[in-house]
Amino acid sequence: MQTLVMQLTRQLTTTFFDDILKFVLGVGRSIARVVTAPINRIANACDVAGVLERRRLAARLRRRARQMQHPRGRWPFGSLSELT
């Protein structure tokens, strides 16, 4: 019984810290997007050959392929399935 309680406590602690890490990374990403917005507008205005758009499309396709390989990442409580 004690090992089950310790295992559950460890899982909840790990999940809590994972959530905090994702929150901090999300806030940092949002701040970086706001700060770099003027630079991105200038870069898009100067992109005559469409190189930036092709890079964005390639990155989007790679991201989608990665999501198809790991479908559990779509579910917000994916790590909770390990408790059952």
N, C-alpha and C. Protein backbone atom coordinates (compact mmCIF):
# COMPACT_ATOMS: atom_id res chain seq x y z
N MET A 1 0.82 -1.19 0.00
CA MET A 1 0.00 0.00 0.00
C MET A 1 0.87 1.26 0.00
N GLN A 2 1.95 1.20 0.77
CA GLN A 2 2.82 2.37 0.86
C GLN A 2 3.48 2.66 -0.49
N THR A 3 3.85 1.62 -1.22
CA THR A 3 4.48 1.85 -2.52
C THR A 3 3.50 2.45 -3.51
N LEU A 4 2.22 2.06 -3.41
CA LEU A 4 1.21 2.63 -4.29
C LEU A 4 1.04 4.12 -4.00
N VAL A 5 1.02 4.49 -2.73
CA VAL A 5 0.89 5.90 -2.35
C VAL A 5 2.12 6.68 -2.81
N MET A 6 3.30 6.11 -2.63
CA MET A 6 4.52 6.79 -3.07
C MET A 6 4.54 6.93 -4.59
N GLN A 7 4.10 5.90 -5.29
CA GLN A 7 4.07 5.95 -6.75
C GLN A 7 3.07 7.01 -7.23
N LEU A 8 1.93 7.07 -6.61
CA LEU A 8 0.92 8.07 -6.97
C LEU A 8 1.43 9.47 -6.67
N THR A 9 2.09 9.66 -5.54
CA THR A 9 2.64 10.96 -5.17
C THR A 9 3.71 11.38 -6.16
N ARG A 10 4.58 10.47 -6.55
CA ARG A 10 5.62 10.78 -7.52
C ARG A 10 5.02 11.17 -8.86
N GLN A 11 3.97 10.44 -9.28
CA GLN A 11 3.32 10.73 -10.55
C GLN A 11 2.66 12.11 -10.52
N LEU A 12 1.99 12.44 -9.43
CA LEU A 12 1.34 13.74 -9.31
C LEU A 12 2.37 14.87 -9.28
N THR A 13 3.48 14.65 -8.58
CA THR A 13 4.53 15.66 -8.52
C THR A 13 5.15 15.87 -9.90
N THR A 14 5.41 14.78 -10.59
CA THR A 14 5.98 14.88 -11.94
C THR A 14 5.03 15.61 -12.87
N THR A 15 3.73 15.27 -12.79
CA THR A 15 2.73 15.93 -13.64
C THR A 15 2.65 17.41 -13.31
N PHE A 16 2.69 17.76 -12.03
CA PHE A 16 2.62 19.16 -11.62
C PHE A 16 3.81 19.94 -12.17
N PHE A 17 5.01 19.39 -12.04
CA PHE A 17 6.19 20.10 -12.54
C PHE A 17 6.20 20.17 -14.06
N ASP A 18 5.70 19.14 -14.72
CA ASP A 18 5.58 19.19 -16.18
C ASP A 18 4.62 20.30 -16.60
N ASP A 19 3.51 20.43 -15.88
CA ASP A 19 2.55 21.49 -16.19
C ASP A 19 3.15 22.87 -15.96
N ILE A 20 3.88 23.03 -14.87
CA ILE A 20 4.52 24.32 -14.59
C ILE A 20 5.54 24.65 -15.69
N LEU A 21 6.32 23.67 -16.10
CA LEU A 21 7.31 23.88 -17.15
C LEU A 21 6.65 24.29 -18.46
N LYS A 22 5.57 23.61 -18.83
CA LYS A 22 4.85 23.96 -20.06
C LYS A 22 4.26 25.36 -19.96
N PHE A 23 3.77 25.73 -18.80
CA PHE A 23 3.21 27.07 -18.61
C PHE A 23 4.29 28.14 -18.78
N VAL A 24 5.43 27.93 -18.15
CA VAL A 24 6.53 28.90 -18.24
C VAL A 24 7.04 29.01 -19.67
N LEU A 25 7.18 27.87 -20.35
CA LEU A 25 7.62 27.90 -21.74
C LEU A 25 6.60 28.60 -22.63
N GLY A 26 5.32 28.39 -22.37
CA GLY A 26 4.28 29.06 -23.15
C GLY A 26 4.28 30.56 -22.96
N VAL A 27 4.45 31.01 -21.72
CA VAL A 27 4.52 32.44 -21.44
C VAL A 27 5.76 33.04 -22.10
N GLY A 28 6.88 32.35 -22.01
CA GLY A 28 8.11 32.83 -22.65
C GLY A 28 7.97 32.91 -24.16
N ARG A 29 7.30 31.92 -24.75
CA ARG A 29 7.07 31.93 -26.19
C ARG A 29 6.17 33.10 -26.59
N SER A 30 5.16 33.39 -25.78
CA SER A 30 4.27 34.52 -26.06
C SER A 30 5.01 35.84 -25.99
N ILE A 31 5.85 35.99 -24.98
CA ILE A 31 6.62 37.23 -24.84
C ILE A 31 7.59 37.38 -26.01
N ALA A 32 8.23 36.30 -26.40
CA ALA A 32 9.16 36.36 -27.52
C ALA A 32 8.44 36.72 -28.82
N ARG A 33 7.23 36.21 -28.99
CA ARG A 33 6.46 36.52 -30.20
C ARG A 33 6.10 38.01 -30.25
N VAL A 34 5.73 38.59 -29.10
CA VAL A 34 5.38 40.01 -29.06
C VAL A 34 6.61 40.87 -29.32
N VAL A 35 7.74 40.49 -28.76
CA VAL A 35 8.96 41.28 -28.91
C VAL A 35 9.48 41.22 -30.34
N THR A 36 9.38 40.06 -30.99
CA THR A 36 9.94 39.92 -32.33
C THR A 36 8.95 40.24 -33.44
N ALA A 37 7.73 40.64 -33.11
CA ALA A 37 6.72 40.93 -34.13
C ALA A 37 7.17 42.01 -35.12
N PRO A 38 7.76 43.14 -34.67
CA PRO A 38 8.20 44.14 -35.66
C PRO A 38 9.28 43.60 -36.61
N ILE A 39 10.18 42.79 -36.08
CA ILE A 39 11.24 42.22 -36.91
C ILE A 39 10.64 41.27 -37.94
N ASN A 40 9.66 40.47 -37.53
CA ASN A 40 9.02 39.55 -38.46
C ASN A 40 8.27 40.29 -39.55
N ARG A 41 7.63 41.41 -39.21
CA ARG A 41 6.93 42.19 -40.24
C ARG A 41 7.91 42.73 -41.27
N ILE A 42 9.05 43.21 -40.83
CA ILE A 42 10.07 43.71 -41.76
C ILE A 42 10.59 42.56 -42.63
N ALA A 43 10.85 41.41 -42.01
CA ALA A 43 11.36 40.26 -42.77
C ALA A 43 10.34 39.81 -43.81
N ASN A 44 9.06 39.77 -43.45
CA ASN A 44 8.03 39.37 -44.42
C ASN A 44 7.91 40.37 -45.56
N ALA A 45 8.08 41.65 -45.26
CA ALA A 45 8.01 42.66 -46.31
C ALA A 45 9.19 42.55 -47.28
N CYS A 46 10.32 42.11 -46.79
CA CYS A 46 11.52 42.00 -47.63
C CYS A 46 11.64 40.64 -48.31
N ASP A 47 10.78 39.71 -48.01
CA ASP A 47 10.87 38.35 -48.56
C ASP A 47 10.22 38.32 -49.94
N VAL A 48 10.99 38.65 -50.95
CA VAL A 48 10.47 38.72 -52.31
C VAL A 48 10.35 37.34 -52.93
N ALA A 49 11.27 36.44 -52.64
CA ALA A 49 11.30 35.12 -53.28
C ALA A 49 10.39 34.10 -52.58
N GLY A 50 9.82 34.45 -51.44
CA GLY A 50 8.94 33.53 -50.73
C GLY A 50 9.66 32.46 -49.94
N VAL A 51 10.91 32.71 -49.57
CA VAL A 51 11.70 31.72 -48.85
C VAL A 51 11.13 31.48 -47.45
N LEU A 52 10.73 32.53 -46.77
CA LEU A 52 10.21 32.38 -45.40
C LEU A 52 8.93 31.55 -45.39
N GLU A 53 8.06 31.78 -46.35
CA GLU A 53 6.81 31.02 -46.40
C GLU A 53 7.06 29.55 -46.66
N ARG A 54 8.03 29.23 -47.51
CA ARG A 54 8.36 27.81 -47.75
C ARG A 54 8.93 27.17 -46.49
N ARG A 55 9.74 27.91 -45.74
CA ARG A 55 10.28 27.36 -44.49
C ARG A 55 9.17 27.11 -43.48
N ARG A 56 8.23 28.04 -43.39
CA ARG A 56 7.11 27.87 -42.46
C ARG A 56 6.27 26.65 -42.84
N LEU A 57 6.02 26.48 -44.12
CA LEU A 57 5.24 25.34 -44.58
C LEU A 57 5.96 24.02 -44.27
N ALA A 58 7.27 23.97 -44.51
CA ALA A 58 8.04 22.77 -44.21
C ALA A 58 8.03 22.45 -42.72
N ALA A 59 8.15 23.48 -41.88
CA ALA A 59 8.11 23.27 -40.43
C ALA A 59 6.74 22.79 -39.99
N ARG A 60 5.69 23.32 -40.59
CA ARG A 60 4.33 22.90 -40.25
C ARG A 60 4.11 21.43 -40.63
N LEU A 61 4.62 21.04 -41.78
CA LEU A 61 4.48 19.64 -42.21
C LEU A 61 5.26 18.70 -41.30
N ARG A 62 6.47 19.10 -40.88
CA ARG A 62 7.25 18.27 -39.95
C ARG A 62 6.52 18.13 -38.61
N ARG A 63 5.95 19.24 -38.14
CA ARG A 63 5.22 19.23 -36.87
C ARG A 63 4.02 18.30 -36.95
N ARG A 64 3.29 18.35 -38.07
CA ARG A 64 2.11 17.50 -38.24
C ARG A 64 2.52 16.03 -38.30
N ALA A 65 3.62 15.72 -38.98
CA ALA A 65 4.10 14.34 -39.05
C ALA A 65 4.50 13.84 -37.67
N ARG A 66 5.13 14.69 -36.88
CA ARG A 66 5.52 14.32 -35.53
C ARG A 66 4.29 14.06 -34.66
N GLN A 67 3.22 14.86 -34.84
CA GLN A 67 2.01 14.65 -34.06
C GLN A 67 1.33 13.34 -34.43
N MET A 68 1.42 12.96 -35.70
CA MET A 68 0.82 11.70 -36.12
C MET A 68 1.57 10.51 -35.52
N GLN A 69 2.87 10.66 -35.28
CA GLN A 69 3.65 9.58 -34.68
C GLN A 69 3.36 9.46 -33.20
N HIS A 70 3.04 10.56 -32.53
CA HIS A 70 2.77 10.58 -31.10
C HIS A 70 1.38 11.13 -30.84
N PRO A 71 0.34 10.34 -31.05
CA PRO A 71 -1.02 10.86 -30.89
C PRO A 71 -1.36 11.21 -29.44
N ARG A 72 -0.64 10.65 -28.47
CA ARG A 72 -0.95 10.92 -27.08
C ARG A 72 -0.67 12.38 -26.71
N GLY A 73 0.21 13.05 -27.46
CA GLY A 73 0.53 14.44 -27.18
C GLY A 73 -0.62 15.38 -27.40
N ARG A 74 -1.64 14.96 -28.15
CA ARG A 74 -2.79 15.81 -28.39
C ARG A 74 -3.70 15.89 -27.17
N TRP A 75 -3.76 14.83 -26.39
CA TRP A 75 -4.64 14.78 -25.23
C TRP A 75 -4.00 15.55 -24.09
N PRO A 76 -4.68 16.54 -23.50
CA PRO A 76 -4.05 17.37 -22.47
C PRO A 76 -3.66 16.59 -21.22
N PHE A 77 -4.35 15.47 -20.95
CA PHE A 77 -4.02 14.69 -19.76
C PHE A 77 -3.42 13.35 -20.15
N GLY A 78 -2.56 13.36 -21.16
CA GLY A 78 -1.98 12.13 -21.68
C GLY A 78 -1.19 11.36 -20.66
N SER A 79 -0.50 12.06 -19.76
CA SER A 79 0.30 11.36 -18.77
C SER A 79 -0.55 10.69 -17.71
N LEU A 80 -1.80 11.08 -17.57
CA LEU A 80 -2.67 10.47 -16.56
C LEU A 80 -3.08 9.06 -16.95
N SER A 81 -2.97 8.70 -18.22
CA SER A 81 -3.33 7.36 -18.63
C SER A 81 -2.39 6.32 -18.03
N GLU A 82 -1.23 6.74 -17.59
CA GLU A 82 -0.28 5.81 -16.98
C GLU A 82 -0.72 5.41 -15.57
N LEU A 83 -1.65 6.13 -14.98
CA LEU A 83 -2.09 5.81 -13.62
C LEU A 83 -3.02 4.61 -13.59
N THR A 84 -3.67 4.29 -14.69
CA THR A 84 -4.63 3.20 -14.69
C THR A 84 -3.97 1.87 -14.85
